[in-house]
PDB file of N, CA and C in Angstrom:
ATOM      1  N   MET A   1     -85.862 -68.193  60.999  1.00  0.00           N
ATOM      2  CA  MET A   1     -87.219 -68.091  61.466  1.00  0.00           C
ATOM      3  C   MET A   1     -88.123 -68.029  60.286  1.00  0.00           C
ATOM      4  N   ASN A   2     -89.122 -68.954  60.323  1.00  0.00           N
ATOM      5  CA  ASN A   2     -90.032 -69.073  59.256  1.00  0.00           C
ATOM      6  C   ASN A   2     -91.152 -68.064  59.447  1.00  0.00           C
ATOM      7  N   LYS A   3     -92.062 -67.966  58.394  1.00  0.00           N
ATOM      8  CA  LYS A   3     -93.129 -66.964  58.389  1.00  0.00           C
ATOM      9  C   LYS A   3     -94.171 -67.214  59.542  1.00  0.00           C
ATOM     10  N   LYS A   4     -94.376 -68.453  59.822  1.00  0.00           N
ATOM     11  CA  LYS A   4     -95.383 -68.833  60.814  1.00  0.00           C
ATOM     12  C   LYS A   4     -94.908 -68.404  62.236  1.00  0.00           C
ATOM     13  N   ASN A   5     -93.588 -68.642  62.542  1.00  0.00           N
ATOM     14  CA  ASN A   5     -93.036 -68.260  63.796  1.00  0.00           C
ATOM     15  C   ASN A   5     -92.996 -66.737  63.968  1.00  0.00           C
ATOM     16  N   LEU A   6     -92.708 -66.126  62.903  1.00  0.00           N
ATOM     17  CA  LEU A   6     -92.660 -64.603  62.896  1.00  0.00           C
ATOM     18  C   LEU A   6     -94.104 -64.048  63.173  1.00  0.00           C
ATOM     19  N   LEU A   7     -95.062 -64.597  62.558  1.00  0.00           N
ATOM     20  CA  LEU A   7     -96.458 -64.095  62.846  1.00  0.00           C
ATOM     21  C   LEU A   7     -96.814 -64.425  64.300  1.00  0.00           C
ATOM     22  N   LEU A   8     -96.445 -65.530  64.775  1.00  0.00           N
ATOM     23  CA  LEU A   8     -96.745 -65.885  66.263  1.00  0.00           C
ATOM     24  C   LEU A   8     -96.031 -64.922  67.131  1.00  0.00           C
ATOM     25  N   LEU A   9     -94.796 -64.576  66.880  1.00  0.00           N
ATOM     26  CA  LEU A   9     -94.075 -63.616  67.654  1.00  0.00           C
ATOM     27  C   LEU A   9     -94.680 -62.251  67.633  1.00  0.00           C
ATOM     28  N   VAL A  10     -95.043 -61.771  66.429  1.00  0.00           N
ATOM     29  CA  VAL A  10     -95.744 -60.508  66.300  1.00  0.00           C
ATOM     30  C   VAL A  10     -97.080 -60.465  67.035  1.00  0.00           C
ATOM     31  N   GLU A  11     -97.819 -61.520  66.904  1.00  0.00           N
ATOM     32  CA  GLU A  11     -99.073 -61.656  67.587  1.00  0.00           C
ATOM     33  C   GLU A  11     -98.904 -61.546  69.150  1.00  0.00           C
ATOM     34  N   LYS A  12     -97.884 -62.291  69.650  1.00  0.00           N
ATOM     35  CA  LYS A  12     -97.557 -62.292  71.103  1.00  0.00           C
ATOM     36  C   LYS A  12     -97.185 -60.876  71.592  1.00  0.00           C
ATOM     37  N   TRP A  13     -96.460 -60.160  70.891  1.00  0.00           N
ATOM     38  CA  TRP A  13     -95.953 -58.892  71.343  1.00  0.00           C
ATOM     39  C   TRP A  13     -96.616 -57.661  70.705  1.00  0.00           C
ATOM     40  N   LYS A  14     -97.714 -57.860  70.108  1.00  0.00           N
ATOM     41  CA  LYS A  14     -98.477 -56.770  69.462  1.00  0.00           C
ATOM     42  C   LYS A  14     -98.829 -55.671  70.414  1.00  0.00           C
ATOM     43  N   LEU A  15     -99.516 -55.972  71.537  1.00  0.00           N
ATOM     44  CA  LEU A  15     -99.905 -54.915  72.477  1.00  0.00           C
ATOM     45  C   LEU A  15     -98.745 -54.188  73.087  1.00  0.00           C
ATOM     46  N   PRO A  16     -97.723 -54.826  73.586  1.00  0.00           N
ATOM     47  CA  PRO A  16     -96.613 -53.988  74.132  1.00  0.00           C
ATOM     48  C   PRO A  16     -95.904 -53.149  73.072  1.00  0.00           C
ATOM     49  N   LEU A  17     -95.842 -53.656  71.789  1.00  0.00           N
ATOM     50  CA  LEU A  17     -95.259 -52.793  70.755  1.00  0.00           C
ATOM     51  C   LEU A  17     -96.066 -51.641  70.446  1.00  0.00           C
ATOM     52  N   LEU A  18     -97.407 -51.781  70.341  1.00  0.00           N
ATOM     53  CA  LEU A  18     -98.315 -50.659  70.143  1.00  0.00           C
ATOM     54  C   LEU A  18     -98.201 -49.595  71.238  1.00  0.00           C
ATOM     55  N   ILE A  19     -98.169 -50.036  72.521  1.00  0.00           N
ATOM     56  CA  ILE A  19     -97.994 -49.136  73.680  1.00  0.00           C
ATOM     57  C   ILE A  19     -96.609 -48.417  73.547  1.00  0.00           C
ATOM     58  N   LEU A  20     -95.599 -49.085  73.202  1.00  0.00           N
ATOM     59  CA  LEU A  20     -94.254 -48.489  73.052  1.00  0.00           C
ATOM     60  C   LEU A  20     -94.328 -47.453  71.915  1.00  0.00           C
ATOM     61  N   LEU A  21     -94.883 -47.769  70.854  1.00  0.00           N
ATOM     62  CA  LEU A  21     -94.959 -46.786  69.703  1.00  0.00           C
ATOM     63  C   LEU A  21     -95.788 -45.623  69.998  1.00  0.00           C
ATOM     64  N   ALA A  22     -96.938 -45.847  70.767  1.00  0.00           N
ATOM     65  CA  ALA A  22     -97.757 -44.687  71.117  1.00  0.00           C
ATOM     66  C   ALA A  22     -97.037 -43.782  72.064  1.00  0.00           C
ATOM     67  N   GLY A  23     -96.294 -44.398  73.027  1.00  0.00           N
ATOM     68  CA  GLY A  23     -95.469 -43.545  73.959  1.00  0.00           C
ATOM     69  C   GLY A  23     -94.385 -42.784  73.271  1.00  0.00           C
ATOM     70  N   LEU A  24     -93.674 -43.329  72.313  1.00  0.00           N
ATOM     71  CA  LEU A  24     -92.683 -42.667  71.561  1.00  0.00           C
ATOM     72  C   LEU A  24     -93.371 -41.513  70.704  1.00  0.00           C
ATOM     73  N   ALA A  25     -94.514 -41.766  70.172  1.00  0.00           N
ATOM     74  CA  ALA A  25     -95.149 -40.661  69.379  1.00  0.00           C
ATOM     75  C   ALA A  25     -95.503 -39.501  70.286  1.00  0.00           C
ATOM     76  N   LEU A  26     -96.027 -39.776  71.516  1.00  0.00           N
ATOM     77  CA  LEU A  26     -96.339 -38.748  72.502  1.00  0.00           C
ATOM     78  C   LEU A  26     -95.124 -38.005  72.872  1.00  0.00           C
ATOM     79  N   MET A  27     -94.048 -38.617  73.047  1.00  0.00           N
ATOM     80  CA  MET A  27     -92.768 -37.967  73.482  1.00  0.00           C
ATOM     81  C   MET A  27     -92.314 -36.943  72.367  1.00  0.00           C
ATOM     82  N   LEU A  28     -92.623 -37.275  71.131  1.00  0.00           N
ATOM     83  CA  LEU A  28     -92.094 -36.435  70.006  1.00  0.00           C
ATOM     84  C   LEU A  28     -92.962 -35.199  69.859  1.00  0.00           C
ATOM     85  N   ILE A  29     -94.156 -35.109  70.392  1.00  0.00           N
ATOM     86  CA  ILE A  29     -95.055 -34.013  70.250  1.00  0.00           C
ATOM     87  C   ILE A  29     -94.579 -32.904  71.237  1.00  0.00           C
ATOM     88  N   PRO A  30     -94.163 -31.697  70.752  1.00  0.00           N
ATOM     89  CA  PRO A  30     -93.724 -30.655  71.651  1.00  0.00           C
ATOM     90  C   PRO A  30     -94.812 -30.125  72.528  1.00  0.00           C
ATOM     91  N   ALA A  31     -94.386 -29.738  73.703  1.00  0.00           N
ATOM     92  CA  ALA A  31     -95.403 -29.020  74.606  1.00  0.00           C
ATOM     93  C   ALA A  31     -95.529 -27.642  74.109  1.00  0.00           C
ATOM     94  N   SER A  32     -96.826 -27.170  73.968  1.00  0.00           N
ATOM     95  CA  SER A  32     -97.028 -25.908  73.384  1.00  0.00           C
ATOM     96  C   SER A  32     -97.009 -24.802  74.366  1.00  0.00           C
ATOM     97  N   GLU A  33     -97.367 -25.082  75.688  1.00  0.00           N
ATOM     98  CA  GLU A  33     -97.411 -24.069  76.660  1.00  0.00           C
ATOM     99  C   GLU A  33     -97.366 -24.679  78.006  1.00  0.00           C
ATOM    100  N   LYS A  34     -97.122 -23.883  79.021  1.00  0.00           N
ATOM    101  CA  LYS A  34     -97.155 -24.355  80.304  1.00  0.00           C
ATOM    102  C   LYS A  34     -98.543 -24.842  80.794  1.00  0.00           C
ATOM    103  N   PRO A  35     -98.593 -25.849  81.595  1.00  0.00           N
ATOM    104  CA  PRO A  35     -99.937 -26.245  82.116  1.00  0.00           C
ATOM    105  C   PRO A  35    -100.525 -25.081  82.910  1.00  0.00           C
ATOM    106  N   LYS A  36    -101.873 -24.965  82.843  1.00  0.00           N
ATOM    107  CA  LYS A  36    -102.543 -23.892  83.532  1.00  0.00           C
ATOM    108  C   LYS A  36    -102.348 -23.909  85.062  1.00  0.00           C
ATOM    109  N   ASP A  37    -102.098 -25.114  85.585  1.00  0.00           N
ATOM    110  CA  ASP A  37    -101.945 -25.306  86.998  1.00  0.00           C
ATOM    111  C   ASP A  37    -100.570 -25.264  87.474  1.00  0.00           C
ATOM    112  N   ALA A  38     -99.618 -24.900  86.571  1.00  0.00           N
ATOM    113  CA  ALA A  38     -98.178 -24.848  86.960  1.00  0.00           C
ATOM    114  C   ALA A  38     -97.958 -23.692  87.905  1.00  0.00           C
ATOM    115  N   VAL A  39     -97.146 -23.904  88.971  1.00  0.00           N
ATOM    116  CA  VAL A  39     -96.877 -23.000  89.942  1.00  0.00           C
ATOM    117  C   VAL A  39     -95.689 -22.028  89.405  1.00  0.00           C
ATOM    118  N   PRO A  40     -95.953 -20.763  89.480  1.00  0.00           N
ATOM    119  CA  PRO A  40     -94.894 -19.905  88.948  1.00  0.00           C
ATOM    120  C   PRO A  40     -93.571 -19.942  89.819  1.00  0.00           C
ATOM    121  N   THR A  41     -92.539 -19.647  89.143  1.00  0.00           N
ATOM    122  CA  THR A  41     -91.200 -19.551  89.899  1.00  0.00           C
ATOM    123  C   THR A  41     -91.245 -18.328  90.690  1.00  0.00           C
ATOM    124  N   ALA A  42     -90.301 -18.176  91.594  1.00  0.00           N
ATOM    125  CA  ALA A  42     -90.167 -16.964  92.472  1.00  0.00           C
ATOM    126  C   ALA A  42     -89.888 -15.746  91.582  1.00  0.00           C
ATOM    127  N   GLN A  43     -89.085 -15.936  90.494  1.00  0.00           N
ATOM    128  CA  GLN A  43     -88.836 -14.810  89.587  1.00  0.00           C
ATOM    129  C   GLN A  43     -90.050 -14.343  88.863  1.00  0.00           C
ATOM    130  N   GLU A  44     -90.840 -15.397  88.428  1.00  0.00           N
ATOM    131  CA  GLU A  44     -92.126 -15.048  87.681  1.00  0.00           C
ATOM    132  C   GLU A  44     -93.116 -14.443  88.586  1.00  0.00           C
ATOM    133  N   ALA A  45     -93.245 -14.884  89.835  1.00  0.00           N
ATOM    134  CA  ALA A  45     -94.216 -14.349  90.845  1.00  0.00           C
ATOM    135  C   ALA A  45     -93.855 -12.879  91.136  1.00  0.00           C
ATOM    136  N   LEU A  46     -92.516 -12.634  91.384  1.00  0.00           N
ATOM    137  CA  LEU A  46     -92.146 -11.331  91.797  1.00  0.00           C
ATOM    138  C   LEU A  46     -92.353 -10.381  90.648  1.00  0.00           C
ATOM    139  N   ALA A  47     -91.854 -10.819  89.445  1.00  0.00           N
ATOM    140  CA  ALA A  47     -92.070  -9.950  88.223  1.00  0.00           C
ATOM    141  C   ALA A  47     -93.535  -9.616  87.999  1.00  0.00           C
ATOM    142  N   GLU A  48     -94.405 -10.587  88.215  1.00  0.00           N
ATOM    143  CA  GLU A  48     -95.868 -10.320  87.973  1.00  0.00           C
ATOM    144  C   GLU A  48     -96.325  -9.320  88.980  1.00  0.00           C
ATOM    145  N   LEU A  49     -96.004  -9.475  90.275  1.00  0.00           N
ATOM    146  CA  LEU A  49     -96.384  -8.549  91.293  1.00  0.00           C
ATOM    147  C   LEU A  49     -95.849  -7.182  91.020  1.00  0.00           C
ATOM    148  N   LEU A  50     -94.597  -6.999  90.740  1.00  0.00           N
ATOM    149  CA  LEU A  50     -94.022  -5.713  90.546  1.00  0.00           C
ATOM    150  C   LEU A  50     -94.598  -4.992  89.361  1.00  0.00           C
ATOM    151  N   SER A  51     -94.857  -5.731  88.216  1.00  0.00           N
ATOM    152  CA  SER A  51     -95.445  -5.120  87.051  1.00  0.00           C
ATOM    153  C   SER A  51     -96.841  -4.638  87.324  1.00  0.00           C
ATOM    154  N   LYS A  52     -97.509  -5.034  88.281  1.00  0.00           N
ATOM    155  CA  LYS A  52     -98.861  -4.605  88.558  1.00  0.00           C
ATOM    156  C   LYS A  52     -98.847  -3.446  89.569  1.00  0.00           C
ATOM    157  N   THR A  53     -97.749  -3.080  89.990  1.00  0.00           N
ATOM    158  CA  THR A  53     -97.531  -1.921  90.894  1.00  0.00           C
ATOM    159  C   THR A  53     -97.549  -0.622  90.114  1.00  0.00           C
ATOM    160  N   GLN A  54     -98.238   0.334  90.633  1.00  0.00           N
ATOM    161  CA  GLN A  54     -98.275   1.667  89.915  1.00  0.00           C
ATOM    162  C   GLN A  54     -96.928   2.289  89.595  1.00  0.00           C
ATOM    163  N   GLY A  55     -96.747   2.609  88.304  1.00  0.00           N
ATOM    164  CA  GLY A  55     -95.538   3.302  87.900  1.00  0.00           C
ATOM    165  C   GLY A  55     -94.462   2.353  87.453  1.00  0.00           C
ATOM    166  N   VAL A  56     -94.524   1.058  87.750  1.00  0.00           N
ATOM    167  CA  VAL A  56     -93.383   0.208  87.472  1.00  0.00           C
ATOM    168  C   VAL A  56     -93.345  -0.196  85.971  1.00  0.00           C
ATOM    169  N   GLY A  57     -94.495  -0.599  85.418  1.00  0.00           N
ATOM    170  CA  GLY A  57     -94.557  -0.950  84.029  1.00  0.00           C
ATOM    171  C   GLY A  57     -93.957  -2.372  83.821  1.00  0.00           C
ATOM    172  N   LYS A  58     -93.583  -2.644  82.546  1.00  0.00           N
ATOM    173  CA  LYS A  58     -93.053  -3.953  82.246  1.00  0.00           C
ATOM    174  C   LYS A  58     -91.843  -4.368  83.082  1.00  0.00           C
ATOM    175  N   THR A  59     -91.761  -5.561  83.557  1.00  0.00           N
ATOM    176  CA  THR A  59     -90.828  -5.903  84.534  1.00  0.00           C
ATOM    177  C   THR A  59     -90.162  -7.281  84.271  1.00  0.00           C
ATOM    178  N   GLN A  60     -88.814  -7.406  84.408  1.00  0.00           N
ATOM    179  CA  GLN A  60     -88.122  -8.623  84.297  1.00  0.00           C
ATOM    180  C   GLN A  60     -87.272  -8.728  85.635  1.00  0.00           C
ATOM    181  N   VAL A  61     -87.226  -9.939  86.207  1.00  0.00           N
ATOM    182  CA  VAL A  61     -86.592 -10.226  87.408  1.00  0.00           C
ATOM    183  C   VAL A  61     -85.609 -11.352  87.255  1.00  0.00           C
ATOM    184  N   LEU A  62     -84.492 -11.157  87.950  1.00  0.00           N
ATOM    185  CA  LEU A  62     -83.482 -12.284  88.001  1.00  0.00           C
ATOM    186  C   LEU A  62     -83.009 -12.377  89.486  1.00  0.00           C
ATOM    187  N   ILE A  63     -83.224 -13.640  89.974  1.00  0.00           N
ATOM    188  CA  ILE A  63     -82.876 -13.839  91.374  1.00  0.00           C
ATOM    189  C   ILE A  63     -81.750 -14.897  91.393  1.00  0.00           C
ATOM    190  N   SER A  64     -80.649 -14.578  92.044  1.00  0.00           N
ATOM    191  CA  SER A  64     -79.545 -15.455  92.198  1.00  0.00           C
ATOM    192  C   SER A  64     -79.265 -15.598  93.723  1.00  0.00           C
ATOM    193  N   GLU A  65     -78.223 -16.415  94.008  1.00  0.00           N
ATOM    194  CA  GLU A  65     -77.903 -16.663  95.434  1.00  0.00           C
ATOM    195  C   GLU A  65     -77.250 -15.408  96.018  1.00  0.00           C
ATOM    196  N   SER A  66     -76.737 -14.496  95.232  1.00  0.00           N
ATOM    197  CA  SER A  66     -76.111 -13.279  95.816  1.00  0.00           C
ATOM    198  C   SER A  66     -76.847 -12.050  95.709  1.00  0.00           C
ATOM    199  N   GLY A  67     -78.076 -12.075  95.065  1.00  0.00           N
ATOM    200  CA  GLY A  67     -78.821 -10.856  94.968  1.00  0.00           C
ATOM    201  C   GLY A  67     -79.922 -10.881  93.931  1.00  0.00           C
ATOM    202  N   VAL A  68     -80.516  -9.773  93.781  1.00  0.00           N
ATOM    203  CA  VAL A  68     -81.688  -9.701  92.729  1.00  0.00           C
ATOM    204  C   VAL A  68     -81.491  -8.504  91.848  1.00  0.00           C
ATOM    205  N   VAL A  69     -81.758  -8.745  90.578  1.00  0.00           N
ATOM    206  CA  VAL A  69     -81.782  -7.673  89.559  1.00  0.00           C
ATOM    207  C   VAL A  69     -83.150  -7.528  88.966  1.00  0.00           C
ATOM    208  N   VAL A  70     -83.603  -6.289  89.040  1.00  0.00           N
ATOM    209  CA  VAL A  70     -84.943  -5.968  88.522  1.00  0.00           C
ATOM    210  C   VAL A  70     -84.750  -4.960  87.388  1.00  0.00           C
ATOM    211  N   ALA A  71     -85.288  -5.283  86.214  1.00  0.00           N
ATOM    212  CA  ALA A  71     -85.311  -4.309  85.127  1.00  0.00           C
ATOM    213  C   ALA A  71     -86.787  -3.920  84.846  1.00  0.00           C
ATOM    214  N   CYS A  72     -87.084  -2.615  84.853  1.00  0.00           N
ATOM    215  CA  CYS A  72     -88.420  -2.243  84.584  1.00  0.00           C
ATOM    216  C   CYS A  72     -88.444  -0.878  83.828  1.00  0.00           C
ATOM    217  N   SER A  73     -89.617  -0.553  83.213  1.00  0.00           N
ATOM    218  CA  SER A  73     -89.688   0.642  82.454  1.00  0.00           C
ATOM    219  C   SER A  73     -89.867   1.893  83.347  1.00  0.00           C
ATOM    220  N   GLY A  74     -90.294   1.684  84.552  1.00  0.00           N
ATOM    221  CA  GLY A  74     -90.580   2.794  85.496  1.00  0.00           C
ATOM    222  C   GLY A  74     -89.421   3.102  86.364  1.00  0.00           C
ATOM    223  N   ALA A  75     -88.234   2.586  86.112  1.00  0.00           N
ATOM    224  CA  ALA A  75     -87.148   2.686  87.050  1.00  0.00           C
ATOM    225  C   ALA A  75     -86.487   4.141  87.071  1.00  0.00           C
ATOM    226  N   SER A  76     -86.897   4.978  86.159  1.00  0.00           N
ATOM    227  CA  SER A  76     -86.357   6.365  86.184  1.00  0.00           C
ATOM    228  C   SER A  76     -86.995   7.167  87.369  1.00  0.00           C
ATOM    229  N   ASN A  77     -88.073   6.666  87.956  1.00  0.00           N
ATOM    230  CA  ASN A  77     -88.757   7.366  89.027  1.00  0.00           C
ATOM    231  C   ASN A  77     -88.169   6.872  90.401  1.00  0.00           C
ATOM    232  N   ALA A  78     -87.664   7.773  91.137  1.00  0.00           N
ATOM    233  CA  ALA A  78     -86.999   7.412  92.440  1.00  0.00           C
ATOM    234  C   ALA A  78     -87.974   6.721  93.441  1.00  0.00           C
ATOM    235  N   SER A  79     -89.207   7.186  93.496  1.00  0.00           N
ATOM    236  CA  SER A  79     -90.086   6.592  94.436  1.00  0.00           C
ATOM    237  C   SER A  79     -90.469   5.223  94.020  1.00  0.00           C
ATOM    238  N   VAL A  80     -90.552   4.943  92.696  1.00  0.00           N
ATOM    239  CA  VAL A  80     -90.870   3.634  92.152  1.00  0.00           C
ATOM    240  C   VAL A  80     -89.689   2.723  92.577  1.00  0.00           C
ATOM    241  N   ARG A  81     -88.432   3.152  92.422  1.00  0.00           N
ATOM    242  CA  ARG A  81     -87.245   2.339  92.665  1.00  0.00           C
ATOM    243  C   ARG A  81     -87.316   1.964  94.144  1.00  0.00           C
ATOM    244  N   LEU A  82     -87.585   2.944  95.083  1.00  0.00           N
ATOM    245  CA  LEU A  82     -87.599   2.736  96.458  1.00  0.00           C
ATOM    246  C   LEU A  82     -88.659   1.685  96.869  1.00  0.00           C
ATOM    247  N   ASP A  83     -89.906   1.878  96.218  1.00  0.00           N
ATOM    248  CA  ASP A  83     -90.975   0.900  96.487  1.00  0.00           C
ATOM    249  C   ASP A  83     -90.492  -0.565  96.078  1.00  0.00           C
ATOM    250  N   MET A  84     -89.855  -0.574  94.918  1.00  0.00           N
ATOM    251  CA  MET A  84     -89.489  -1.862  94.309  1.00  0.00           C
ATOM    252  C   MET A  84     -88.362  -2.556  95.226  1.00  0.00           C
ATOM    253  N   ILE A  85     -87.429  -1.705  95.749  1.00  0.00           N
ATOM    254  CA  ILE A  85     -86.425  -2.337  96.626  1.00  0.00           C
ATOM    255  C   ILE A  85     -87.068  -2.775  97.882  1.00  0.00           C
ATOM    256  N   ARG A  86     -87.983  -2.062  98.427  1.00  0.00           N
ATOM    257  CA  ARG A  86     -88.695  -2.473  99.701  1.00  0.00           C
ATOM    258  C   ARG A  86     -89.474  -3.887  99.399  1.00  0.00           C
ATOM    259  N   ALA A  87     -90.184  -3.887  98.231  1.00  0.00           N
ATOM    260  CA  ALA A  87     -90.974  -5.127  97.901  1.00  0.00           C
ATOM    261  C   ALA A  87     -89.956  -6.346  97.727  1.00  0.00           C
ATOM    262  N   VAL A  88     -88.994  -6.133  97.017  1.00  0.00           N
ATOM    263  CA  VAL A  88     -88.068  -7.211  96.668  1.00  0.00           C
ATOM    264  C   VAL A  88     -87.334  -7.672  97.961  1.00  0.00           C
ATOM    265  N   SER A  89     -86.941  -6.736  98.814  1.00  0.00           N
ATOM    266  CA  SER A  89     -86.352  -7.155 100.049  1.00  0.00           C
ATOM    267  C   SER A  89     -87.288  -7.920 100.930  1.00  0.00           C
ATOM    268  N   ALA A  90     -88.528  -7.478 101.030  1.00  0.00           N
ATOM    269  CA  ALA A  90     -89.503  -8.217 101.795  1.00  0.00           C
ATOM    270  C   ALA A  90     -89.779  -9.629 101.298  1.00  0.00           C
ATOM    271  N   TYR A  91     -89.776  -9.749  99.970  1.00  0.00           N
ATOM    272  CA  TYR A  91     -90.112 -11.077  99.344  1.00  0.00           C
ATOM    273  C   TYR A  91     -88.961 -12.000  99.419  1.00  0.00           C
ATOM    274  N   THR A  92     -87.706 -11.454  99.224  1.00  0.00           N
ATOM    275  CA  THR A  92     -86.546 -12.370  99.056  1.00  0.00           C
ATOM    276  C   THR A  92     -85.643 -12.429 100.301  1.00  0.00           C
ATOM    277  N   GLY A  93     -85.760 -11.408 101.154  1.00  0.00           N
ATOM    278  CA  GLY A  93     -84.904 -11.325 102.376  1.00  0.00           C
ATOM    279  C   GLY A  93     -83.517 -10.641 102.121  1.00  0.00           C
ATOM    280  N   PHE A  94     -83.276 -10.288 100.952  1.00  0.00           N
ATOM    281  CA  PHE A  94     -82.057  -9.566 100.543  1.00  0.00           C
ATOM    282  C   PHE A  94     -82.098  -8.119 101.036  1.00  0.00           C
ATOM    283  N   GLY A  95     -81.008  -7.645 101.502  1.00  0.00           N
ATOM    284  CA  GLY A  95     -80.814  -6.215 101.862  1.00  0.00           C
ATOM    285  C   GLY A  95     -80.830  -5.376 100.655  1.00  0.00           C
ATOM    286  N   SER A  96     -81.023  -4.029 100.846  1.00  0.00           N
ATOM    287  CA  SER A  96     -81.020  -3.104  99.696  1.00  0.00           C
ATOM    288  C   SER A  96     -79.707  -3.106  98.955  1.00  0.00           C
ATOM    289  N   ASP A  97     -78.582  -3.465  99.624  1.00  0.00           N
ATOM    290  CA  ASP A  97     -77.329  -3.480  98.917  1.00  0.00           C
ATOM    291  C   ASP A  97     -77.156  -4.649  98.000  1.00  0.00           C
ATOM    292  N   LYS A  98     -78.140  -5.624  97.986  1.00  0.00           N
ATOM    293  CA  LYS A  98     -78.063  -6.802  97.203  1.00  0.00           C
ATOM    294  C   LYS A  98     -79.152  -6.728  96.104  1.00  0.00           C
ATOM    295  N   ILE A  99     -79.791  -5.651  96.010  1.00  0.00           N
ATOM    296  CA  ILE A  99     -80.962  -5.444  95.010  1.00  0.00           C
ATOM    297  C   ILE A  99     -80.558  -4.340  94.032  1.00  0.00           C
ATOM    298  N   ILE A 100     -80.616  -4.671  92.749  1.00  0.00           N
ATOM    299  CA  ILE A 100     -80.205  -3.723  91.730  1.00  0.00           C
ATOM    300  C   ILE A 100     -81.490  -3.407  90.850  1.00  0.00           C
ATOM    301  N   ILE A 101     -81.823  -2.180  90.718  1.00  0.00           N
ATOM    302  CA  ILE A 101     -82.950  -1.733  89.842  1.00  0.00           C
ATOM    303  C   ILE A 101     -82.426  -1.098  88.615  1.00  0.00           C
ATOM    304  N   LEU A 102     -82.769  -1.587  87.480  1.00  0.00           N
ATOM    305  CA  LEU A 102     -82.340  -1.026  86.202  1.00  0.00           C
ATOM    306  C   LEU A 102     -83.509  -0.613  85.286  1.00  0.00           C
ATOM    307  N   LYS A 103     -83.292   0.439  84.519  1.00  0.00           N
ATOM    308  CA  LYS A 103     -84.284   0.960  83.572  1.00  0.00           C
ATOM    309  C   LYS A 103     -84.345  -0.018  82.410  1.00  0.00           C
ATOM    310  N   LEU A 104     -85.559  -0.478  82.098  1.00  0.00           N
ATOM    311  CA  LEU A 104     -85.702  -1.320  80.967  1.00  0.00           C
ATOM    312  C   LEU A 104     -85.883  -0.533  79.623  1.00  0.00           C
ATOM    313  N   ARG A 105     -85.153  -0.970  78.608  1.00  0.00           N
ATOM    314  CA  ARG A 105     -85.180  -0.245  77.361  1.00  0.00           C
ATOM    315  C   ARG A 105     -86.610  -0.325  76.776  1.00  0.00           C
ATOM    316  N   ASN A 106     -86.976   0.723  76.118  1.00  0.00           N
ATOM    317  CA  ASN A 106     -88.345   0.740  75.522  1.00  0.00           C
ATOM    318  C   ASN A 106     -88.343  -0.114  74.295  1.00  0.00           C
TER     319      ASN A 106
END
């Protein structure tokens, strides 16, 4: 392939190549955070709601097919645990025997 044919080929495919390179460059840029309009998962929504409840404190939630585990800093209080079990049961449909409340380490 001579120089003239190579220049014609590059000229013909210049725009698609530029678009391809721009796409590859955008794919390499890491996403820094969740989009603001992203819908929270069930775990995130439940953890946020529980953490805003009086006495619960910092909260982490894990929901599986067989039950729910909630770890929070206010779990040492019996009335807080009962309120959490009721809220989790209402939200997930799991019975109290499938909900575990744990004390979160400081």
